[in-house]
Amino acid sequence: MKRITTPLAIATATLAPWPRLSHLLALALLTGLGACGGGGGGDSPASVAVAAENAAVQVAAQTQQQALVSLGQQLFNDPKLSTPAGTACASCHQAASGFSSLHGSTLGVAAGSLPTSLGLRSPSQAAYSAAIPRFGFVTSPQGTLIPAGGQFWDGRADTLAAQALLPLLNPLEMNNADQATVVSKVAAAPYASLFTRVFGAAALSNTNQAFNQIGQAIQAFEQSAALQAFTSKYDAMVQGKAVFSAAEQNGMALFQSPANGCAACHRMNPASSTPQNSPFTNHIYVVEGIPRNPQIPRNADASFFDLGLCGPERSAPVAPVGVQIADYCGAFQVPSLRNVALRPALMHNGFFRSLTDVVNFYSTRNSDPQRWYGPSGIPNDLPAQYQANLETRRPPFNHRSSNGPLLTAAQVSDVVAFLNTLTDGFLAASTSP
């Protein structure tokens, strides 16, 4: 396979799904490179003309990208893209809930388009998902290969474009029969003309191509500043625009304490004034032993277990030499904590409904397991053969049970106060494109 080596080739290859945008960027690069050639031309009429053309092409490329984002936003918010109509992507990813919501359900997992349909997991947060890397195996601080990344709780989609398409055909979600059904709905939508302006006049005549382009447009929207706002009080604090209260400051110190282990998985860097350096996740997979949610219909079957990385929503990934994927059965990806206080249900199965309960779980899983799992004290959402996968080596899960809770009630309250500083909206949203 020939390597792409020139800046022009790399740029246009990156934008291959949007040929018109690729073409505009190619022209911009070519005219820009041309303006740099020659020697000492200064502000000659020719160089001024090239610069003007370059600027015009760059504006056109930006306009095309804005059109793609606008199309993606309209697709994301269209409730007619389900069967029956009434469920949009936004139904389970409402901005007011941090782009993770339940579509009217009170059971911890989202309702689907049909009155009787209910999902298996709490919807993953769409906000900040653009920063999630593709699924793969990375080297841990201990030098071992561990799974990380991918979209969804189990990493089964490599890109936001691929992720966006799966709910459209899932009978428990948007319930469309096939790709053609979805594309026909887009063709009848008010934004159909925008679709063909972005992707070409004949775009909607090729079902498979148009279906994939729907995903590309939604991806562009999810990559936009609308879902990567970085406007929380925490972001203001690291930029010197806000000061934490005593409770928030103490909560952050507790969160960062190596003995508590929060920041080991929910990575942050308050010393950096760049909010992007605090993603509040490291994207790895952990078997935490979250209690079973009895309100999920499939959990009525005592023999059924949601094993995350090992299924049932995906096939177990092929592991590299030396890694046993069975060791990760029951593992789910560490989510970002940005906007976590807005979510109506927490953890992959929506078992928890408040941050206080979540922090108390981390504080007392070892010291008071009966509180979470019933009289046996044994994690009740892991089958017997995978109980050994339960995380017990790293904080907070290596805390001795005889030492009692890891945190006091006051400390739990302070950690929750800190987590509330991760909610966007404290700063004015950026107006940059």
Foldseek 3Di string as FASTA:
>chain_A
DDDDDDPLSVQLVVVVLQNVLNVLVSLLVVLVVVLPDDPDPPPDVVSVVSVVVSVVSVVVSVVLLVLLLVLLVCQQPFQVLFVNGDAGVCLQQPVLLQGGAANPDLQQFHFAPDPPATDQWGDAHLFPLQPFAQWDWDQDPVGDTFIFGAPDQQRPHGAQLRVNLVQSCDCSHRNDPDQLSSLVVCCPDPCVVSLCVRRNVCQSVDRVSVSSSSSVSNRSNSPDCVRVFLAFLLLCVLLVNDDDDPLLVLLVVCCPDQQAPQCVAQPADSPHNDRVNRQGGPGGKAQALAADRCSRVVVVPLVDAAQRCCDDVDHNDDHDPPDDSLLRGNITTDGHLQSVQSHQADDTRRRDRHLLVVLQCLFQLQQCLCVGHNDVSQRRRDDPVNSVSHDQPGHPNVDHNVVPTPDDSSSSVSNSVNSNSSYHDNGDGDPDD
